[in-house]
């Protein structure tokens, strides 16, 4: 047999009377994004129009209040990544 504090029972009963249920409320924790979804959509559109635009140019054009690293993380969440191309050709294994 488990003992429960009287105050706990009162809180649960009060919540049930007000809300009609006693499920816990969702947590609204975490940092809010510094840029809106509309701004992010505009950035993605700009990247489609101009694929070679740099992070710095995006930050300056949209006057974004975040760093290049933070913008890079946001773009990765949308599936956009950047890979450098090697400018040197790989050596071929040719018989000598």
PDB file of N, CA and C in Angstrom:
ATOM      1  N   UNK A   1       0.842  -1.172   0.000  1.00  0.00           N
ATOM      2  CA  UNK A   1       0.000   0.000   0.000  1.00  0.00           C
ATOM      3  C   UNK A   1       0.890   1.240   0.000  1.00  0.00           C
ATOM      4  N   UNK A   2       0.627   2.149  -0.942  1.00  0.00           N
ATOM      5  CA  UNK A   2       1.437   3.354  -1.063  1.00  0.00           C
ATOM      6  C   UNK A   2       0.723   4.529  -0.405  1.00  0.00           C
ATOM      7  N   UNK A   3       1.488   5.330   0.275  1.00  0.00           N
ATOM      8  CA  UNK A   3       0.934   6.510   0.918  1.00  0.00           C
ATOM      9  C   UNK A   3       1.170   7.719   0.023  1.00  0.00           C
ATOM     10  N   UNK A   4       0.159   8.554  -0.093  1.00  0.00           N
ATOM     11  CA  UNK A   4       0.258   9.764  -0.908  1.00  0.00           C
ATOM     12  C   UNK A   4      -0.076  10.942  -0.017  1.00  0.00           C
ATOM     13  N   UNK A   5       0.676  11.995  -0.196  1.00  0.00           N
ATOM     14  CA  UNK A   5       0.455  13.206   0.590  1.00  0.00           C
ATOM     15  C   UNK A   5      -0.929  13.785   0.273  1.00  0.00           C
ATOM     16  N   UNK A   6      -1.582  14.326   1.274  1.00  0.00           N
ATOM     17  CA  UNK A   6      -2.918  14.899   1.119  1.00  0.00           C
ATOM     18  C   UNK A   6      -2.890  16.054   0.120  1.00  0.00           C
ATOM     19  N   UNK A   7      -1.838  16.867   0.172  1.00  0.00           N
ATOM     20  CA  UNK A   7      -1.719  18.021  -0.742  1.00  0.00           C
ATOM     21  C   UNK A   7      -1.652  17.550  -2.196  1.00  0.00           C
ATOM     22  N   UNK A   8      -1.008  16.446  -2.465  1.00  0.00           N
ATOM     23  CA  UNK A   8      -0.935  15.906  -3.820  1.00  0.00           C
ATOM     24  C   UNK A   8      -2.323  15.521  -4.314  1.00  0.00           C
ATOM     25  N   UNK A   9      -3.084  14.873  -3.474  1.00  0.00           N
ATOM     26  CA  UNK A   9      -4.450  14.480  -3.843  1.00  0.00           C
ATOM     27  C   UNK A   9      -5.284  15.726  -4.111  1.00  0.00           C
ATOM     28  N   UNK A  10      -5.124  16.761  -3.285  1.00  0.00           N
ATOM     29  CA  UNK A  10      -5.874  18.001  -3.486  1.00  0.00           C
ATOM     30  C   UNK A  10      -5.524  18.648  -4.824  1.00  0.00           C
ATOM     31  N   UNK A  11      -4.235  18.668  -5.173  1.00  0.00           N
ATOM     32  CA  UNK A  11      -3.809  19.270  -6.453  1.00  0.00           C
ATOM     33  C   UNK A  11      -4.374  18.499  -7.638  1.00  0.00           C
ATOM     34  N   UNK A  12      -4.304  17.174  -7.575  1.00  0.00           N
ATOM     35  CA  UNK A  12      -4.809  16.351  -8.671  1.00  0.00           C
ATOM     36  C   UNK A  12      -6.323  16.526  -8.803  1.00  0.00           C
ATOM     37  N   UNK A  13      -7.034  16.529  -7.689  1.00  0.00           N
ATOM     38  CA  UNK A  13      -8.496  16.684  -7.728  1.00  0.00           C
ATOM     39  C   UNK A  13      -8.871  18.070  -8.259  1.00  0.00           C
ATOM     40  N   UNK A  14      -8.150  19.095  -7.843  1.00  0.00           N
ATOM     41  CA  UNK A  14      -8.408  20.452  -8.321  1.00  0.00           C
ATOM     42  C   UNK A  14      -8.187  20.552  -9.824  1.00  0.00           C
ATOM     43  N   UNK A  15      -7.123  19.942 -10.302  1.00  0.00           N
ATOM     44  CA  UNK A  15      -6.837  19.942 -11.735  1.00  0.00           C
ATOM     45  C   UNK A  15      -7.935  19.209 -12.492  1.00  0.00           C
ATOM     46  N   UNK A  16      -8.397  18.100 -11.961  1.00  0.00           N
ATOM     47  CA  UNK A  16      -9.461  17.334 -12.605  1.00  0.00           C
ATOM     48  C   UNK A  16     -10.745  18.151 -12.697  1.00  0.00           C
ATOM     49  N   UNK A  17     -11.074  18.881 -11.643  1.00  0.00           N
ATOM     50  CA  UNK A  17     -12.286  19.696 -11.655  1.00  0.00           C
ATOM     51  C   UNK A  17     -12.192  20.838 -12.665  1.00  0.00           C
ATOM     52  N   UNK A  18     -11.011  21.439 -12.802  1.00  0.00           N
ATOM     53  CA  UNK A  18     -10.842  22.575 -13.721  1.00  0.00           C
ATOM     54  C   UNK A  18     -10.724  22.120 -15.175  1.00  0.00           C
ATOM     55  N   UNK A  19      -9.887  21.113 -15.431  1.00  0.00           N
ATOM     56  CA  UNK A  19      -9.570  20.734 -16.809  1.00  0.00           C
ATOM     57  C   UNK A  19     -10.334  19.514 -17.294  1.00  0.00           C
ATOM     58  N   UNK A  20     -10.887  18.740 -16.396  1.00  0.00           N
ATOM     59  CA  UNK A  20     -11.599  17.536 -16.808  1.00  0.00           C
ATOM     60  C   UNK A  20     -10.684  16.331 -16.970  1.00  0.00           C
ATOM     61  N   UNK A  21      -9.397  16.507 -16.686  1.00  0.00           N
ATOM     62  CA  UNK A  21      -8.437  15.401 -16.740  1.00  0.00           C
ATOM     63  C   UNK A  21      -7.314  15.692 -15.752  1.00  0.00           C
ATOM     64  N   UNK A  22      -6.500  14.716 -15.513  1.00  0.00           N
ATOM     65  CA  UNK A  22      -5.387  14.905 -14.575  1.00  0.00           C
ATOM     66  C   UNK A  22      -4.043  14.596 -15.228  1.00  0.00           C
ATOM     67  N   UNK A  23      -4.007  14.634 -16.560  1.00  0.00           N
ATOM     68  CA  UNK A  23      -2.751  14.414 -17.280  1.00  0.00           C
ATOM     69  C   UNK A  23      -1.836  15.619 -17.070  1.00  0.00           C
ATOM     70  N   UNK A  24      -0.522  15.406 -17.072  1.00  0.00           N
ATOM     71  CA  UNK A  24       0.392  16.537 -16.911  1.00  0.00           C
ATOM     72  C   UNK A  24       0.370  17.436 -18.151  1.00  0.00           C
ATOM     73  N   UNK A  25       0.572  18.707 -17.945  1.00  0.00           N
ATOM     74  CA  UNK A  25       0.619  19.672 -19.040  1.00  0.00           C
ATOM     75  C   UNK A  25       1.931  19.498 -19.800  1.00  0.00           C
ATOM     76  N   UNK A  26       1.951  19.797 -21.102  1.00  0.00           N
ATOM     77  CA  UNK A  26       3.204  19.693 -21.853  1.00  0.00           C
ATOM     78  C   UNK A  26       4.199  20.747 -21.380  1.00  0.00           C
ATOM     79  N   UNK A  27       5.454  20.372 -21.393  1.00  0.00           N
ATOM     80  CA  UNK A  27       6.504  21.290 -20.967  1.00  0.00           C
ATOM     81  C   UNK A  27       6.876  22.210 -22.113  1.00  0.00           C
ATOM     82  N   UNK A  28       7.013  23.462 -21.840  1.00  0.00           N
ATOM     83  CA  UNK A  28       7.439  24.441 -22.834  1.00  0.00           C
ATOM     84  C   UNK A  28       8.864  24.872 -22.519  1.00  0.00           C
ATOM     85  N   UNK A  29       9.729  23.902 -22.451  1.00  0.00           N
ATOM     86  CA  UNK A  29      11.099  24.232 -22.095  1.00  0.00           C
ATOM     87  C   UNK A  29      11.929  24.387 -23.369  1.00  0.00           C
ATOM     88  N   UNK A  30      13.096  24.905 -23.211  1.00  0.00           N
ATOM     89  CA  UNK A  30      13.997  25.099 -24.336  1.00  0.00           C
ATOM     90  C   UNK A  30      14.011  26.540 -24.794  1.00  0.00           C
ATOM     91  N   UNK A  31      15.042  26.845 -25.505  1.00  0.00           N
ATOM     92  CA  UNK A  31      15.218  28.198 -26.002  1.00  0.00           C
ATOM     93  C   UNK A  31      14.348  28.426 -27.232  1.00  0.00           C
ATOM     94  N   UNK A  32      13.732  29.576 -27.317  1.00  0.00           N
ATOM     95  CA  UNK A  32      12.919  29.930 -28.471  1.00  0.00           C
ATOM     96  C   UNK A  32      13.849  30.302 -29.630  1.00  0.00           C
ATOM     97  N   UNK A  33      13.479  29.952 -30.860  1.00  0.00           N
ATOM     98  CA  UNK A  33      14.338  30.296 -31.997  1.00  0.00           C
ATOM     99  C   UNK A  33      14.417  31.804 -32.201  1.00  0.00           C
ATOM    100  N   UNK A  34      15.602  32.277 -32.613  1.00  0.00           N
ATOM    101  CA  UNK A  34      15.798  33.709 -32.808  1.00  0.00           C
ATOM    102  C   UNK A  34      15.202  34.195 -34.126  1.00  0.00           C
ATOM    103  N   UNK A  35      14.991  33.278 -35.066  1.00  0.00           N
ATOM    104  CA  UNK A  35      14.400  33.688 -36.337  1.00  0.00           C
ATOM    105  C   UNK A  35      13.089  32.939 -36.539  1.00  0.00           C
ATOM    106  N   UNK A  36      12.156  33.598 -37.188  1.00  0.00           N
ATOM    107  CA  UNK A  36      10.830  33.021 -37.381  1.00  0.00           C
ATOM    108  C   UNK A  36      10.842  32.011 -38.525  1.00  0.00           C
ATOM    109  N   UNK A  37       9.779  31.245 -38.612  1.00  0.00           N
ATOM    110  CA  UNK A  37       9.665  30.262 -39.687  1.00  0.00           C
ATOM    111  C   UNK A  37       9.559  30.958 -41.042  1.00  0.00           C
ATOM    112  N   UNK A  38       8.919  32.111 -41.077  1.00  0.00           N
ATOM    113  CA  UNK A  38       8.796  32.861 -42.328  1.00  0.00           C
ATOM    114  C   UNK A  38      10.165  33.318 -42.815  1.00  0.00           C
ATOM    115  N   UNK A  39      11.012  33.794 -41.904  1.00  0.00           N
ATOM    116  CA  UNK A  39      12.363  34.194 -42.275  1.00  0.00           C
ATOM    117  C   UNK A  39      13.157  32.992 -42.770  1.00  0.00           C
ATOM    118  N   UNK A  40      12.983  31.851 -42.112  1.00  0.00           N
ATOM    119  CA  UNK A  40      13.684  30.637 -42.538  1.00  0.00           C
ATOM    120  C   UNK A  40      13.230  30.220 -43.931  1.00  0.00           C
ATOM    121  N   UNK A  41      11.943  30.346 -44.214  1.00  0.00           N
ATOM    122  CA  UNK A  41      11.435  30.037 -45.555  1.00  0.00           C
ATOM    123  C   UNK A  41      12.047  30.971 -46.601  1.00  0.00           C
ATOM    124  N   UNK A  42      12.180  32.262 -46.253  1.00  0.00           N
ATOM    125  CA  UNK A  42      12.804  33.225 -47.165  1.00  0.00           C
ATOM    126  C   UNK A  42      14.273  32.872 -47.414  1.00  0.00           C
ATOM    127  N   UNK A  43      14.961  32.418 -46.374  1.00  0.00           N
ATOM    128  CA  UNK A  43      16.370  32.022 -46.521  1.00  0.00           C
ATOM    129  C   UNK A  43      16.474  30.812 -47.442  1.00  0.00           C
ATOM    130  N   UNK A  44      15.607  29.827 -47.263  1.00  0.00           N
ATOM    131  CA  UNK A  44      15.645  28.629 -48.104  1.00  0.00           C
ATOM    132  C   UNK A  44      15.330  28.973 -49.561  1.00  0.00           C
ATOM    133  N   UNK A  45      14.408  29.901 -49.779  1.00  0.00           N
ATOM    134  CA  UNK A  45      14.100  30.349 -51.137  1.00  0.00           C
ATOM    135  C   UNK A  45      15.310  31.030 -51.758  1.00  0.00           C
ATOM    136  N   UNK A  46      15.986  31.865 -50.991  1.00  0.00           N
ATOM    137  CA  UNK A  46      17.172  32.569 -51.477  1.00  0.00           C
ATOM    138  C   UNK A  46      18.281  31.572 -51.834  1.00  0.00           C
ATOM    139  N   UNK A  47      18.423  30.524 -51.044  1.00  0.00           N
ATOM    140  CA  UNK A  47      19.449  29.518 -51.318  1.00  0.00           C
ATOM    141  C   UNK A  47      19.122  28.763 -52.605  1.00  0.00           C
ATOM    142  N   UNK A  48      17.830  28.510 -52.853  1.00  0.00           N
ATOM    143  CA  UNK A  48      17.451  27.844 -54.110  1.00  0.00           C
ATOM    144  C   UNK A  48      17.730  28.738 -55.310  1.00  0.00           C
ATOM    145  N   UNK A  49      17.519  30.056 -55.145  1.00  0.00           N
ATOM    146  CA  UNK A  49      17.778  30.999 -56.231  1.00  0.00           C
ATOM    147  C   UNK A  49      19.271  31.192 -56.466  1.00  0.00           C
ATOM    148  N   UNK A  50      20.037  31.211 -55.383  1.00  0.00           N
ATOM    149  CA  UNK A  50      21.472  31.487 -55.465  1.00  0.00           C
ATOM    150  C   UNK A  50      22.219  30.440 -54.633  1.00  0.00           C
ATOM    151  N   UNK A  51      22.486  29.254 -55.213  1.00  0.00           N
ATOM    152  CA  UNK A  51      23.055  28.152 -54.426  1.00  0.00           C
ATOM    153  C   UNK A  51      24.469  28.400 -53.895  1.00  0.00           C
ATOM    154  N   UNK A  52      25.199  29.347 -54.470  1.00  0.00           N
ATOM    155  CA  UNK A  52      26.569  29.572 -54.015  1.00  0.00           C
ATOM    156  C   UNK A  52      26.688  30.697 -52.989  1.00  0.00           C
ATOM    157  N   UNK A  53      25.574  31.114 -52.396  1.00  0.00           N
ATOM    158  CA  UNK A  53      25.596  32.182 -51.397  1.00  0.00           C
ATOM    159  C   UNK A  53      26.248  31.669 -50.110  1.00  0.00           C
ATOM    160  N   UNK A  54      26.993  32.532 -49.454  1.00  0.00           N
ATOM    161  CA  UNK A  54      27.678  32.126 -48.223  1.00  0.00           C
ATOM    162  C   UNK A  54      26.812  32.431 -47.003  1.00  0.00           C
ATOM    163  N   UNK A  55      27.183  31.825 -45.881  1.00  0.00           N
ATOM    164  CA  UNK A  55      26.461  32.078 -44.630  1.00  0.00           C
ATOM    165  C   UNK A  55      26.549  33.544 -44.235  1.00  0.00           C
ATOM    166  N   UNK A  56      27.716  34.112 -44.417  1.00  0.00           N
ATOM    167  CA  UNK A  56      27.918  35.522 -44.062  1.00  0.00           C
ATOM    168  C   UNK A  56      27.002  36.424 -44.889  1.00  0.00           C
ATOM    169  N   UNK A  57      26.875  36.126 -46.180  1.00  0.00           N
ATOM    170  CA  UNK A  57      26.002  36.921 -47.043  1.00  0.00           C
ATOM    171  C   UNK A  57      24.539  36.781 -46.624  1.00  0.00           C
ATOM    172  N   UNK A  58      24.133  35.585 -46.232  1.00  0.00           N
ATOM    173  CA  UNK A  58      22.760  35.379 -45.758  1.00  0.00           C
ATOM    174  C   UNK A  58      22.490  36.181 -44.489  1.00  0.00           C
ATOM    175  N   UNK A  59      23.441  36.155 -43.571  1.00  0.00           N
ATOM    176  CA  UNK A  59      23.276  36.887 -42.307  1.00  0.00           C
ATOM    177  C   UNK A  59      23.166  38.381 -42.565  1.00  0.00           C
ATOM    178  N   UNK A  60      24.002  38.897 -43.469  1.00  0.00           N
ATOM    179  CA  UNK A  60      23.965  40.330 -43.771  1.00  0.00           C
ATOM    180  C   UNK A  60      22.688  40.710 -44.523  1.00  0.00           C
ATOM    181  N   UNK A  61      22.279  39.895 -45.498  1.00  0.00           N
ATOM    182  CA  UNK A  61      21.115  40.226 -46.309  1.00  0.00           C
ATOM    183  C   UNK A  61      19.823  40.224 -45.497  1.00  0.00           C
ATOM    184  N   UNK A  62      19.658  39.241 -44.617  1.00  0.00           N
ATOM    185  CA  UNK A  62      18.432  39.133 -43.829  1.00  0.00           C
ATOM    186  C   UNK A  62      18.566  39.769 -42.452  1.00  0.00           C
ATOM    187  N   UNK A  63      19.734  40.356 -42.158  1.00  0.00           N
ATOM    188  CA  UNK A  63      19.982  41.016 -40.869  1.00  0.00           C
ATOM    189  C   UNK A  63      19.642  40.077 -39.707  1.00  0.00           C
ATOM    190  N   UNK A  64      20.253  38.891 -39.718  1.00  0.00           N
ATOM    191  CA  UNK A  64      19.940  37.847 -38.741  1.00  0.00           C
ATOM    192  C   UNK A  64      20.718  38.055 -37.443  1.00  0.00           C
ATOM    193  N   UNK A  65      20.078  37.833 -36.301  1.00  0.00           N
ATOM    194  CA  UNK A  65      20.750  38.016 -35.010  1.00  0.00           C
ATOM    195  C   UNK A  65      21.428  36.740 -34.514  1.00  0.00           C
ATOM    196  N   UNK A  66      22.100  36.010 -35.410  1.00  0.00           N
ATOM    197  CA  UNK A  66      22.781  34.791 -34.981  1.00  0.00           C
ATOM    198  C   UNK A  66      24.095  34.616 -35.715  1.00  0.00           C
ATOM    199  N   UNK A  67      24.902  33.703 -35.217  1.00  0.00           N
ATOM    200  CA  UNK A  67      26.235  33.483 -35.780  1.00  0.00           C
ATOM    201  C   UNK A  67      26.159  32.567 -36.991  1.00  0.00           C
ATOM    202  N   UNK A  68      27.296  32.459 -37.693  1.00  0.00           N
ATOM    203  CA  UNK A  68      27.354  31.576 -38.848  1.00  0.00           C
ATOM    204  C   UNK A  68      27.158  30.124 -38.428  1.00  0.00           C
ATOM    205  N   UNK A  69      27.714  29.754 -37.285  1.00  0.00           N
ATOM    206  CA  UNK A  69      27.580  28.378 -36.798  1.00  0.00           C
ATOM    207  C   UNK A  69      26.117  28.054 -36.492  1.00  0.00           C
ATOM    208  N   UNK A  70      25.395  28.994 -35.887  1.00  0.00           N
ATOM    209  CA  UNK A  70      23.987  28.765 -35.562  1.00  0.00           C
ATOM    210  C   UNK A  70      23.147  28.647 -36.836  1.00  0.00           C
ATOM    211  N   UNK A  71      23.437  29.483 -37.826  1.00  0.00           N
ATOM    212  CA  UNK A  71      22.706  29.399 -39.096  1.00  0.00           C
ATOM    213  C   UNK A  71      23.021  28.082 -39.796  1.00  0.00           C
ATOM    214  N   UNK A  72      24.261  27.647 -39.726  1.00  0.00           N
ATOM    215  CA  UNK A  72      24.655  26.366 -40.316  1.00  0.00           C
ATOM    216  C   UNK A  72      23.868  25.218 -39.685  1.00  0.00           C
ATOM    217  N   UNK A  73      23.708  25.234 -38.368  1.00  0.00           N
ATOM    218  CA  UNK A  73      22.926  24.198 -37.681  1.00  0.00           C
ATOM    219  C   UNK A  73      21.477  24.199 -38.145  1.00  0.00           C
ATOM    220  N   UNK A  74      20.886  25.394 -38.278  1.00  0.00           N
ATOM    221  CA  UNK A  74      19.490  25.496 -38.722  1.00  0.00           C
ATOM    222  C   UNK A  74      19.332  24.950 -40.141  1.00  0.00           C
ATOM    223  N   UNK A  75      20.315  25.246 -41.006  1.00  0.00           N
ATOM    224  CA  UNK A  75      20.241  24.759 -42.383  1.00  0.00           C
ATOM    225  C   UNK A  75      20.412  23.241 -42.448  1.00  0.00           C
ATOM    226  N   UNK A  76      21.238  22.696 -41.571  1.00  0.00           N
ATOM    227  CA  UNK A  76      21.410  21.242 -41.528  1.00  0.00           C
ATOM    228  C   UNK A  76      20.119  20.553 -41.112  1.00  0.00           C
ATOM    229  N   UNK A  77      19.347  21.188 -40.229  1.00  0.00           N
ATOM    230  CA  UNK A  77      18.058  20.624 -39.819  1.00  0.00           C
ATOM    231  C   UNK A  77      17.082  20.556 -40.994  1.00  0.00           C
ATOM    232  N   UNK A  78      17.284  21.433 -41.973  1.00  0.00           N
ATOM    233  CA  UNK A  78      16.438  21.433 -43.168  1.00  0.00           C
ATOM    234  C   UNK A  78      17.038  20.588 -44.287  1.00  0.00           C
ATOM    235  N   UNK A  79      18.117  19.859 -43.981  1.00  0.00           N
ATOM    236  CA  UNK A  79      18.694  18.945 -44.953  1.00  0.00           C
ATOM    237  C   UNK A  79      19.712  19.573 -45.886  1.00  0.00           C
ATOM    238  N   UNK A  80      20.131  20.792 -45.613  1.00  0.00           N
ATOM    239  CA  UNK A  80      21.127  21.443 -46.464  1.00  0.00           C
ATOM    240  C   UNK A  80      22.507  21.310 -45.824  1.00  0.00           C
ATOM    241  N   UNK A  81      23.439  20.799 -46.592  1.00  0.00           N
ATOM    242  CA  UNK A  81      24.809  20.681 -46.107  1.00  0.00           C
ATOM    243  C   UNK A  81      25.744  21.259 -47.148  1.00  0.00           C
ATOM    244  N   UNK A  82      26.969  21.438 -46.757  1.00  0.00           N
ATOM    245  CA  UNK A  82      27.974  21.990 -47.647  1.00  0.00           C
ATOM    246  C   UNK A  82      29.198  21.108 -47.588  1.00  0.00           C
ATOM    247  N   UNK A  83      29.652  20.682 -48.734  1.00  0.00           N
ATOM    248  CA  UNK A  83      30.885  19.916 -48.796  1.00  0.00           C
ATOM    249  C   UNK A  83      31.844  20.636 -49.718  1.00  0.00           C
ATOM    250  N   UNK A  84      33.076  20.768 -49.276  1.00  0.00           N
ATOM    251  CA  UNK A  84      34.085  21.376 -50.129  1.00  0.00           C
ATOM    252  C   UNK A  84      34.513  20.375 -51.182  1.00  0.00           C
ATOM    253  N   UNK A  85      34.739  20.877 -52.362  1.00  0.00           N
ATOM    254  CA  UNK A  85      35.295  20.032 -53.412  1.00  0.00           C
ATOM    255  C   UNK A  85      36.794  20.129 -53.359  1.00  0.00           C
ATOM    256  N   UNK A  86      37.416  19.035 -53.553  1.00  0.00           N
ATOM    257  CA  UNK A  86      38.868  19.063 -53.592  1.00  0.00           C
ATOM    258  C   UNK A  86      39.305  19.662 -54.913  1.00  0.00           C
ATOM    259  N   UNK A  87      40.242  20.593 -54.862  1.00  0.00           N
ATOM    260  CA  UNK A  87      40.697  21.223 -56.095  1.00  0.00           C
ATOM    261  C   UNK A  87      41.822  20.425 -56.753  1.00  0.00           C
ATOM    262  N   UNK A  88      42.407  19.488 -56.036  1.00  0.00           N
ATOM    263  CA  UNK A  88      43.484  18.670 -56.589  1.00  0.00           C
ATOM    264  C   UNK A  88      42.919  17.318 -57.007  1.00  0.00           C
ATOM    265  N   UNK A  89      43.413  16.817 -58.095  1.00  0.00           N
ATOM    266  CA  UNK A  89      42.972  15.507 -58.521  1.00  0.00           C
ATOM    267  C   UNK A  89      43.705  14.441 -57.728  1.00  0.00           C
ATOM    268  N   UNK A  90      43.030  13.361 -57.481  1.00  0.00           N
ATOM    269  CA  UNK A  90      43.666  12.251 -56.794  1.00  0.00           C
ATOM    270  C   UNK A  90      44.637  11.579 -57.753  1.00  0.00           C
ATOM    271  N   UNK A  91      45.710  11.066 -57.197  1.00  0.00           N
ATOM    272  CA  UNK A  91      46.686  10.398 -58.034  1.00  0.00           C
ATOM    273  C   UNK A  91      46.156   9.049 -58.454  1.00  0.00           C
ATOM    274  N   UNK A  92      46.467   8.691 -59.675  1.00  0.00           N
ATOM    275  CA  UNK A  92      46.027   7.409 -60.194  1.00  0.00           C
ATOM    276  C   UNK A  92      47.135   6.378 -59.991  1.00  0.00           C
ATOM    277  N   UNK A  93      46.757   5.199 -59.685  1.00  0.00           N
ATOM    278  CA  UNK A  93      47.738   4.124 -59.532  1.00  0.00           C
ATOM    279  C   UNK A  93      48.010   3.532 -60.919  1.00  0.00           C
ATOM    280  N   UNK A  94      49.029   4.047 -61.552  1.00  0.00           N
ATOM    281  CA  UNK A  94      49.388   3.545 -62.866  1.00  0.00           C
ATOM    282  C   UNK A  94      50.623   2.665 -62.741  1.00  0.00           C
ATOM    283  N   UNK A  95      50.659   1.604 -63.517  1.00  0.00           N
ATOM    284  CA  UNK A  95      51.863   0.780 -63.480  1.00  0.00           C
ATOM    285  C   UNK A  95      53.057   1.545 -64.042  1.00  0.00           C
ATOM    286  N   UNK A  96      54.189   1.412 -63.414  1.00  0.00           N
ATOM    287  CA  UNK A  96      55.394   2.108 -63.887  1.00  0.00           C
ATOM    288  C   UNK A  96      56.296   1.221 -64.703  1.00  0.00           C
TER     289      UNK A  96
END
